[in-house]
Amino acid sequence: MNILILGSGGREHTFAWKIAQSPLCNSIYVAPGNSGTAQIANNLDIKVTDFQAIKKAVLEYQIQMVVVGPEDPLVQGVHDFFLKDEDIKHVSVIGPQKAAAKLEGSKEFAKEFLARHNIPTAAYQSFDSSNVEEGYAFLETLKPPYVLKADGLAAGKGVLILNDLNEAKTELKSMLIDAKFGEASNKVVIEEFLDGIELSCFVLTDGENYKILPTAKDYKRIGEGDTGLNTGGMGAVSPVPFATDDFLNKIEERVVKPTIEGLKKDDLPYKGFVFIGLIKVGDHPKVIEYNVRMGDPETEVVLPRLKTDLVEIFKAIANQTLDKIDIEIDPRAATTVMLVSGGYPEAYEKGKEITGLEHVIDSIPFHAGAINKNGKIITSGGRVMAITSFGDTYEEAIKKSYQNIEKLHFDKMNYRKDIGFDL
């Protein structure tokens, strides 16, 4: 079959790399793709939310399956768009329909879902511009630090964690009254701060059955020791060493099962990945958030560990036969380190040539914010490349990633030198 992947990051390069290994796939197309996907697939200059252009490409290239990488097209209803169109409704779409994608599209919707299905999470309340004063009063009932979350999609930037009560009140006003995050912060969820260590759980569902993929832990802060501004992710490790069998069992019983049952009960049509952001508080998992697609850079450590044919899994999701598939996982550890542009996550320059890729041995460079220009690979975004390695332990894997990073260069290249430090 011919497969189209929507997106342009490291996640999508990893999808293309994995799908290319399947005998079930003839041709791979990526819209818009990057310099990495260009090496193994056909890049199409189409925006992920331009549904009419996507339809045209699907018909032109006889696409039978669309794998949706980022959240924007899912929240805007790309799956529903296919189902409603006679010309393309036969095409399998991997990703939930719009009603279910609201689990990521609205923090308030997600919190209400968690509460309704008795899934453990932080206490919360939500506010809009009409009740800012009540928001101030709720903040006063909490202990610091204070967690403020823009309700809508804010490109991963809409969560603030503040230690000072007055600063929290000022930021709440800035989000609700001054539209700090645009429409995304028309509504703000304030929740209690949970003290623990974070990890991510990835689940595949066909709407009836589910399979749990390996856990991963990513590192969001720009600075060593988890300091500085939040980013889209600076690196990841899989499996998570502190996730014991007992703890994984708690995740499945208390979080995964009620989530999949909740989707059915609430009639939220779901075929794709459920990414559950968790925090381990004591010995108990609590849900921080849902995402309705794979994480980035977690994809770069989770998918390489998958031994089962990914296209076979996707076909089972489309046909609702996921229960018939056995998922085999590589027992080795995988780690990835993200190379970013100088200045990221604030202002940064693009167009810097990346050199040394031909010298990388025993690691996989997954391209993210990079494009091919006149035969040279140059930077085109903040997060430029993820360097993934395997090892019998995560320490061994991380060492390989760092050894290969020393061979790579672009002007003002930055990366965290302590991925896995807290494990």
Protein backbone atom coordinates (compact mmCIF):
# COMPACT_ATOMS: atom_id res chain seq x y z
CA MET A 1 0.00 0.00 0.00
CA ASN A 2 0.96 3.66 -0.41
CA ILE A 3 1.13 5.58 2.86
CA LEU A 4 1.04 9.33 3.58
CA ILE A 5 2.51 10.68 6.83
CA LEU A 6 1.46 14.19 7.92
CA GLY A 7 4.12 16.27 9.68
CA SER A 8 7.70 17.50 9.43
CA GLY A 9 9.49 16.65 12.69
CA GLY A 10 11.68 13.97 14.19
CA ARG A 11 8.55 12.00 15.01
CA GLU A 12 7.54 11.86 11.35
CA HIS A 13 11.05 10.92 10.19
CA THR A 14 10.93 8.05 12.72
CA PHE A 15 7.53 6.94 11.39
CA ALA A 16 8.86 6.99 7.82
CA TRP A 17 12.02 5.08 8.87
CA LYS A 18 9.92 2.39 10.58
CA ILE A 19 7.28 2.14 7.85
CA ALA A 20 10.05 1.84 5.20
CA GLN A 21 11.06 -1.47 6.87
CA SER A 22 7.65 -3.02 6.13
CA PRO A 23 7.10 -5.28 3.09
CA LEU A 24 3.44 -4.15 3.20
CA CYS A 25 4.40 -0.62 2.10
CA ASN A 26 5.14 0.29 -1.54
CA SER A 27 5.64 4.05 -1.46
CA ILE A 28 5.83 6.54 1.42
CA TYR A 29 4.84 10.20 1.11
CA VAL A 30 5.41 12.82 3.81
CA ALA A 31 3.70 16.22 3.93
CA PRO A 32 5.62 18.45 4.28
CA GLY A 33 8.52 16.29 5.58
CA ASN A 34 12.16 17.29 6.12
CA SER A 35 15.69 16.42 4.93
CA GLY A 36 15.52 13.06 6.74
CA THR A 37 12.22 11.93 5.23
CA ALA A 38 13.47 13.07 1.79
CA GLN A 39 16.10 10.29 1.95
CA ILE A 40 13.52 7.48 2.32
CA ALA A 41 10.21 8.94 1.12
CA ASN A 42 8.63 11.49 -1.23
CA ASN A 43 8.15 14.89 0.41
CA LEU A 44 5.04 16.85 -0.60
CA ASP A 45 4.92 20.61 -0.06
CA ILE A 46 1.55 20.57 1.73
CA LYS A 47 0.56 22.05 5.10
CA VAL A 48 -0.78 19.51 7.61
CA THR A 49 -4.03 21.48 7.98
CA ASP A 50 -4.67 22.05 4.25
CA PHE A 51 -7.24 19.26 3.98
CA GLN A 52 -8.19 19.93 0.34
CA ALA A 53 -4.53 19.72 -0.77
CA ILE A 54 -4.16 16.52 1.29
CA LYS A 55 -7.22 15.03 -0.46
CA LYS A 56 -5.78 15.94 -3.87
CA ALA A 57 -2.47 14.20 -3.01
CA VAL A 58 -4.28 11.12 -1.65
CA LEU A 59 -6.13 10.70 -4.95
CA GLU A 60 -3.12 11.56 -7.13
CA TYR A 61 -0.73 9.14 -5.41
CA GLN A 62 -3.34 6.44 -4.66
CA ILE A 63 -2.76 6.65 -0.91
CA GLN A 64 -4.49 3.93 1.12
CA MET A 65 -3.44 5.03 4.61
CA VAL A 66 -2.77 8.38 6.30
CA VAL A 67 -0.72 8.49 9.51
CA VAL A 68 -1.22 11.78 11.35
CA GLY A 69 1.87 12.96 13.25
CA PRO A 70 1.01 16.30 14.95
CA GLU A 71 -2.05 17.30 16.98
CA ASP A 72 -3.27 20.31 14.93
CA PRO A 73 -4.90 18.39 12.04
CA LEU A 74 -6.49 15.93 14.50
CA VAL A 75 -7.98 18.69 16.64
CA GLN A 76 -9.22 20.38 13.44
CA GLY A 77 -10.91 17.14 12.34
CA VAL A 78 -8.81 15.61 9.54
CA HIS A 79 -10.16 12.12 10.30
CA ASP A 80 -13.78 13.37 10.08
CA PHE A 81 -12.91 15.15 6.81
CA PHE A 82 -11.93 11.79 5.27
CA LEU A 83 -14.99 9.96 6.62
CA LYS A 84 -17.38 12.57 5.18
CA ASP A 85 -15.86 12.61 1.67
CA GLU A 86 -17.10 9.90 -0.74
CA ASP A 87 -13.85 10.04 -2.75
CA ILE A 88 -11.53 9.30 0.18
CA LYS A 89 -13.62 7.70 2.92
CA HIS A 90 -12.08 4.28 2.07
CA VAL A 91 -8.64 5.59 3.18
CA SER A 92 -7.54 4.45 6.65
CA VAL A 93 -6.64 7.33 8.97
CA ILE A 94 -4.44 6.65 12.00
CA GLY A 95 -5.53 9.24 14.55
CA PRO A 96 -8.73 9.94 16.51
CA GLN A 97 -11.77 11.81 15.22
CA LYS A 98 -12.32 15.43 16.24
CA ALA A 99 -14.58 14.69 19.24
CA ALA A 100 -11.87 12.50 20.80
CA ALA A 101 -8.99 14.79 19.78
CA LYS A 102 -10.51 17.33 22.19
CA LEU A 103 -8.69 15.35 24.92
CA GLU A 104 -5.62 17.28 23.76
CA GLY A 105 -7.40 20.27 22.24
CA SER A 106 -8.96 21.32 25.57
CA LYS A 107 -7.32 20.91 28.99
CA GLU A 108 -10.71 21.44 30.65
CA PHE A 109 -12.34 18.70 28.53
CA ALA A 110 -9.51 16.31 29.48
CA LYS A 111 -9.83 17.08 33.21
CA GLU A 112 -13.61 16.53 33.06
CA PHE A 113 -13.03 13.19 31.28
CA LEU A 114 -10.54 12.13 34.00
CA ALA A 115 -12.95 13.10 36.78
CA ARG A 116 -15.92 11.38 35.10
CA HIS A 117 -14.05 8.07 34.78
CA ASN A 118 -12.33 8.19 38.19
CA ILE A 119 -8.85 8.33 36.72
CA PRO A 120 -6.29 9.74 39.22
CA THR A 121 -5.20 13.33 38.47
CA ALA A 122 -4.48 16.65 40.23
CA ALA A 123 -7.33 18.66 41.77
CA TYR A 124 -8.28 21.58 39.48
CA GLN A 125 -10.72 24.35 38.55
CA SER A 126 -11.07 26.28 35.30
CA PHE A 127 -11.66 29.99 34.78
CA ASP A 128 -12.32 32.51 32.01
CA SER A 129 -12.28 36.32 31.77
CA SER A 130 -15.66 36.56 33.54
CA ASN A 131 -14.42 35.05 36.82
CA VAL A 132 -10.76 36.07 37.17
CA GLU A 133 -11.37 37.13 40.78
CA GLU A 134 -12.56 33.59 41.59
CA GLY A 135 -9.35 32.34 39.98
CA TYR A 136 -7.32 34.53 42.35
CA ALA A 137 -9.32 33.12 45.30
CA PHE A 138 -8.71 29.53 44.15
CA LEU A 139 -4.95 30.22 43.86
CA GLU A 140 -5.02 31.37 47.49
CA THR A 141 -6.33 27.93 48.56
CA LEU A 142 -3.36 26.14 46.96
CA LYS A 143 0.21 25.66 48.14
CA PRO A 144 3.02 26.78 45.82
CA PRO A 145 4.12 26.06 43.18
CA TYR A 146 1.05 27.10 41.18
CA VAL A 147 0.21 25.40 37.86
CA LEU A 148 -1.61 27.43 35.17
CA LYS A 149 -2.55 25.74 31.89
CA ALA A 150 -3.96 27.44 28.80
CA ASP A 151 -7.04 25.40 27.84
CA GLY A 152 -6.31 25.26 24.10
CA LEU A 153 -3.32 24.30 21.95
CA ALA A 154 -0.38 26.64 22.59
CA ALA A 155 2.40 24.71 20.80
CA GLY A 156 3.60 23.20 24.06
CA LYS A 157 4.17 26.63 25.62
CA GLY A 158 0.85 27.11 27.47
CA VAL A 159 1.79 25.68 30.89
CA LEU A 160 3.25 27.90 33.61
CA ILE A 161 4.61 26.66 36.96
CA LEU A 162 5.16 29.54 39.37
CA ASN A 163 6.36 29.72 42.97
CA ASP A 164 5.05 33.17 43.85
CA LEU A 165 1.32 33.76 44.51
CA ASN A 166 1.33 37.34 43.22
CA GLU A 167 3.17 36.32 40.08
CA ALA A 168 0.62 33.51 39.55
CA LYS A 169 -2.23 36.06 39.83
CA THR A 170 -0.47 38.41 37.39
CA GLU A 171 0.07 35.59 34.88
CA LEU A 172 -3.55 34.44 35.24
CA LYS A 173 -4.70 37.98 34.33
CA SER A 174 -2.18 38.09 31.47
CA MET A 175 -3.53 34.81 30.07
CA LEU A 176 -7.26 35.56 30.48
CA ILE A 177 -7.49 39.33 30.00
CA ASP A 178 -4.43 40.15 27.86
CA ALA A 179 -4.61 36.92 25.76
CA LYS A 180 -1.00 35.95 26.46
CA PHE A 181 -1.45 32.74 24.44
CA GLY A 182 -4.12 34.09 22.09
CA GLU A 183 -7.34 32.10 21.88
CA ALA A 184 -5.65 29.15 23.62
CA SER A 185 -5.87 31.00 26.94
CA ASN A 186 -9.50 32.20 26.67
CA LYS A 187 -9.93 29.64 29.42
CA VAL A 188 -7.28 28.62 31.99
CA VAL A 189 -7.11 25.48 34.12
CA ILE A 190 -5.48 25.99 37.52
CA GLU A 191 -4.43 22.78 39.24
CA GLU A 192 -2.59 21.58 42.30
CA PHE A 193 1.12 20.90 41.81
CA LEU A 194 2.02 17.21 41.96
CA ASP A 195 5.48 16.44 43.31
CA GLY A 196 7.05 13.36 41.71
CA ILE A 197 8.89 12.08 38.66
CA GLU A 198 7.29 12.20 35.21
CA LEU A 199 7.03 9.54 32.52
CA SER A 200 4.99 8.89 29.40
CA CYS A 201 2.80 5.91 28.62
CA PHE A 202 1.87 5.17 24.99
CA VAL A 203 -1.18 3.15 24.06
CA LEU A 204 -2.49 2.03 20.67
CA THR A 205 -6.23 1.54 20.33
CA ASP A 206 -8.58 0.56 17.52
CA GLY A 207 -11.56 1.87 19.49
CA GLU A 208 -12.26 -1.54 21.04
CA ASN A 209 -8.92 -3.14 21.91
CA TYR A 210 -5.63 -1.68 23.09
CA LYS A 211 -1.92 -2.46 23.22
CA ILE A 212 0.58 -0.73 25.48
CA LEU A 213 3.88 0.38 23.93
CA PRO A 214 7.14 0.87 25.90
CA THR A 215 7.23 3.71 28.44
CA ALA A 216 9.56 6.66 27.89
CA LYS A 217 10.70 9.72 29.79
CA ASP A 218 11.47 12.98 28.04
CA TYR A 219 13.29 16.09 29.22
CA LYS A 220 11.40 19.32 28.58
CA ARG A 221 13.62 22.03 30.06
CA ILE A 222 16.34 23.69 27.97
CA GLY A 223 18.96 23.67 30.75
CA GLU A 224 20.96 20.99 32.50
CA GLY A 225 19.40 19.68 35.72
CA ASP A 226 15.92 20.44 34.32
CA THR A 227 16.33 24.22 34.56
CA GLY A 228 15.28 27.09 32.31
CA LEU A 229 12.43 27.40 29.83
CA ASN A 230 10.20 24.58 28.62
CA THR A 231 10.90 23.25 25.13
CA GLY A 232 9.28 20.69 22.85
CA GLY A 233 11.66 18.12 24.37
CA MET A 234 15.47 17.88 24.62
CA GLY A 235 15.88 14.12 24.78
CA ALA A 236 14.25 10.87 25.89
CA VAL A 237 14.97 7.48 27.43
CA SER A 238 13.08 4.16 27.04
CA PRO A 239 12.29 2.05 29.02
CA VAL A 240 11.93 4.10 32.20
CA PRO A 241 14.11 2.37 34.84
CA PHE A 242 11.88 3.27 37.81
CA ALA A 243 8.74 1.86 36.12
CA THR A 244 8.69 -1.56 37.83
CA ASP A 245 6.28 -4.34 36.79
CA ASP A 246 4.12 -3.48 39.81
CA PHE A 247 3.98 0.21 38.83
CA LEU A 248 3.26 -0.65 35.16
CA ASN A 249 0.40 -2.85 36.36
CA LYS A 250 -1.04 0.11 38.33
CA ILE A 251 -0.81 2.27 35.19
CA GLU A 252 -2.73 -0.32 33.17
CA GLU A 253 -5.43 -0.98 35.79
CA ARG A 254 -5.98 2.59 37.07
CA VAL A 255 -5.26 4.65 33.95
CA VAL A 256 -5.15 2.75 30.65
CA LYS A 257 -8.22 0.50 31.07
CA PRO A 258 -10.53 3.26 32.38
CA THR A 259 -9.28 5.57 29.60
CA ILE A 260 -10.14 3.10 26.82
CA GLU A 261 -13.47 2.22 28.51
CA GLY A 262 -14.17 5.95 28.97
CA LEU A 263 -13.64 6.61 25.25
CA LYS A 264 -16.25 3.93 24.47
CA LYS A 265 -18.73 5.12 27.12
CA ASP A 266 -18.47 8.74 25.99
CA ASP A 267 -18.73 7.72 22.32
CA LEU A 268 -15.38 9.30 21.41
CA PRO A 269 -14.26 7.52 18.18
CA TYR A 270 -10.59 6.65 18.52
CA LYS A 271 -8.18 4.82 16.18
CA GLY A 272 -4.58 5.67 16.93
CA PHE A 273 -2.13 6.59 19.65
CA VAL A 274 -3.09 7.71 23.15
CA PHE A 275 -0.13 9.44 24.80
CA ILE A 276 -0.68 9.65 28.55
CA GLY A 277 1.58 12.07 30.45
CA LEU A 278 1.98 10.62 33.94
CA ILE A 279 3.62 11.52 37.22
CA LYS A 280 4.69 8.98 39.83
CA VAL A 281 3.63 10.38 43.21
CA GLY A 282 4.92 8.02 45.88
CA ASP A 283 4.11 4.65 44.31
CA HIS A 284 1.02 5.83 42.47
CA PRO A 285 0.50 7.05 38.88
CA LYS A 286 -1.50 10.23 38.27
CA VAL A 287 -2.38 11.69 34.88
CA ILE A 288 -0.97 15.11 34.02
CA GLU A 289 -2.40 15.29 30.50
CA TYR A 290 -3.52 13.41 27.42
CA ASN A 291 -2.07 13.86 23.96
CA VAL A 292 -3.81 12.29 20.98
CA ARG A 293 -0.69 11.40 18.98
CA MET A 294 2.83 10.14 19.62
CA GLY A 295 5.22 12.37 21.55
CA ASP A 296 8.34 13.95 20.15
CA PRO A 297 11.16 13.06 21.02
CA GLU A 298 9.65 9.96 22.70
CA THR A 299 8.77 8.49 19.28
CA GLU A 300 12.50 8.44 18.51
CA VAL A 301 13.09 5.96 21.37
CA VAL A 302 9.77 4.05 21.42
CA LEU A 303 9.39 3.12 17.72
CA PRO A 304 13.00 1.93 17.25
CA ARG A 305 12.35 -0.61 20.06
CA LEU A 306 9.30 -1.98 18.24
CA LYS A 307 10.12 -5.27 16.48
CA THR A 308 6.62 -5.89 15.09
CA ASP A 309 5.82 -4.54 11.61
CA LEU A 310 4.31 -1.08 12.19
CA VAL A 311 2.17 -1.20 9.03
CA GLU A 312 0.69 -4.52 10.18
CA ILE A 313 -0.22 -2.83 13.49
CA PHE A 314 -1.77 0.15 11.67
CA LYS A 315 -3.82 -2.19 9.44
CA ALA A 316 -5.11 -3.95 12.58
CA ILE A 317 -6.10 -0.56 14.04
CA ALA A 318 -8.00 0.32 10.85
CA ASN A 319 -9.76 -3.09 10.83
CA GLN A 320 -10.38 -3.18 14.61
CA THR A 321 -8.36 -6.42 14.96
CA LEU A 322 -5.65 -5.10 17.28
CA ASP A 323 -6.38 -7.97 19.71
CA LYS A 324 -5.03 -10.40 17.06
CA ILE A 325 -1.58 -8.77 16.97
CA ASP A 326 1.33 -9.67 19.23
CA ILE A 327 3.63 -6.73 19.81
CA GLU A 328 7.29 -7.62 20.22
CA ILE A 329 9.67 -5.16 21.88
CA ASP A 330 13.47 -5.00 21.72
CA PRO A 331 14.66 -5.53 25.32
CA ARG A 332 17.55 -3.09 24.86
CA ALA A 333 17.40 0.51 26.07
CA ALA A 334 17.09 3.37 23.58
CA THR A 335 18.02 6.99 24.21
CA THR A 336 17.86 10.12 22.10
CA VAL A 337 19.47 13.55 22.47
CA MET A 338 18.02 16.56 20.65
CA LEU A 339 20.33 19.05 18.93
CA VAL A 340 18.76 22.50 18.91
CA SER A 341 19.45 25.89 17.37
CA GLY A 342 21.28 28.46 19.51
CA GLY A 343 18.75 30.66 21.32
CA TYR A 344 15.94 28.06 21.19
CA PRO A 345 13.26 28.03 22.67
CA GLU A 346 13.39 31.82 22.25
CA ALA A 347 14.55 33.62 19.09
CA TYR A 348 16.98 31.56 16.98
CA GLU A 349 18.55 31.68 13.52
CA LYS A 350 17.89 29.19 10.72
CA GLY A 351 19.82 28.24 7.59
CA LYS A 352 22.96 26.88 9.29
CA GLU A 353 24.69 24.03 7.45
CA ILE A 354 24.87 20.71 9.35
CA THR A 355 28.09 18.76 8.83
CA GLY A 356 29.46 15.41 9.99
CA LEU A 357 26.39 13.22 9.42
CA GLU A 358 28.39 10.81 7.25
CA HIS A 359 30.63 10.03 10.26
CA VAL A 360 27.80 8.87 12.56
CA ILE A 361 28.22 5.17 13.40
CA ASP A 362 25.95 3.04 15.63
CA SER A 363 23.39 5.85 16.16
CA ILE A 364 20.38 6.92 14.08
CA PRO A 365 20.06 10.64 13.31
CA PHE A 366 16.35 11.50 13.05
CA HIS A 367 15.99 14.85 11.30
CA ALA A 368 13.51 17.37 12.74
CA GLY A 369 13.98 21.09 11.92
CA ALA A 370 16.27 20.44 8.93
CA ILE A 371 15.82 20.69 5.16
CA ASN A 372 17.84 19.88 2.06
CA LYS A 373 18.89 22.99 0.14
CA ASN A 374 21.10 22.72 -2.94
CA GLY A 375 22.46 19.38 -1.75
CA LYS A 376 23.31 20.68 1.74
CA ILE A 377 21.38 19.87 4.91
CA ILE A 378 20.60 23.09 6.75
CA THR A 379 18.68 24.00 9.93
CA SER A 380 15.06 25.11 9.49
CA GLY A 381 13.70 25.00 13.06
CA GLY A 382 14.44 25.14 16.77
CA ARG A 383 14.78 21.42 17.38
CA VAL A 384 17.06 20.29 14.57
CA MET A 385 17.96 16.61 15.00
CA ALA A 386 17.53 13.71 17.45
CA ILE A 387 20.45 11.30 17.82
CA THR A 388 19.09 7.88 18.87
CA SER A 389 21.19 4.94 20.12
CA PHE A 390 20.68 1.46 21.57
CA GLY A 391 22.51 -0.11 24.51
CA ASP A 392 22.14 -2.94 27.00
CA THR A 393 21.63 -0.15 29.57
CA TYR A 394 20.44 3.42 29.05
CA GLU A 395 23.90 4.62 30.23
CA GLU A 396 25.54 2.67 27.40
CA ALA A 397 23.01 4.00 24.88
CA ILE A 398 23.38 7.60 25.99
CA LYS A 399 27.18 7.34 25.77
CA LYS A 400 26.87 6.31 22.09
CA SER A 401 24.58 9.26 21.35
CA TYR A 402 27.01 11.72 22.91
CA GLN A 403 30.02 10.16 21.12
CA ASN A 404 28.28 10.66 17.78
CA ILE A 405 27.11 14.18 18.61
CA GLU A 406 30.79 15.16 18.88
CA LYS A 407 31.11 14.41 15.15
CA LEU A 408 28.26 16.78 14.22
CA HIS A 409 28.36 20.54 13.86
CA PHE A 410 26.28 23.55 12.93
CA ASP A 411 26.71 27.16 14.02
CA LYS A 412 25.51 27.75 17.64
CA MET A 413 24.48 24.06 18.01
CA ASN A 414 23.16 23.40 21.53
CA TYR A 415 22.11 20.25 23.41
CA ARG A 416 21.69 18.99 26.96
CA LYS A 417 24.65 17.02 28.23
CA ASP A 418 22.76 15.35 31.10
CA ILE A 419 19.89 13.35 29.51
CA GLY A 420 19.07 10.50 31.92
CA PHE A 421 20.78 12.34 34.83
CA ASP A 422 17.88 11.81 37.24
CA LEU A 423 17.48 8.06 36.73
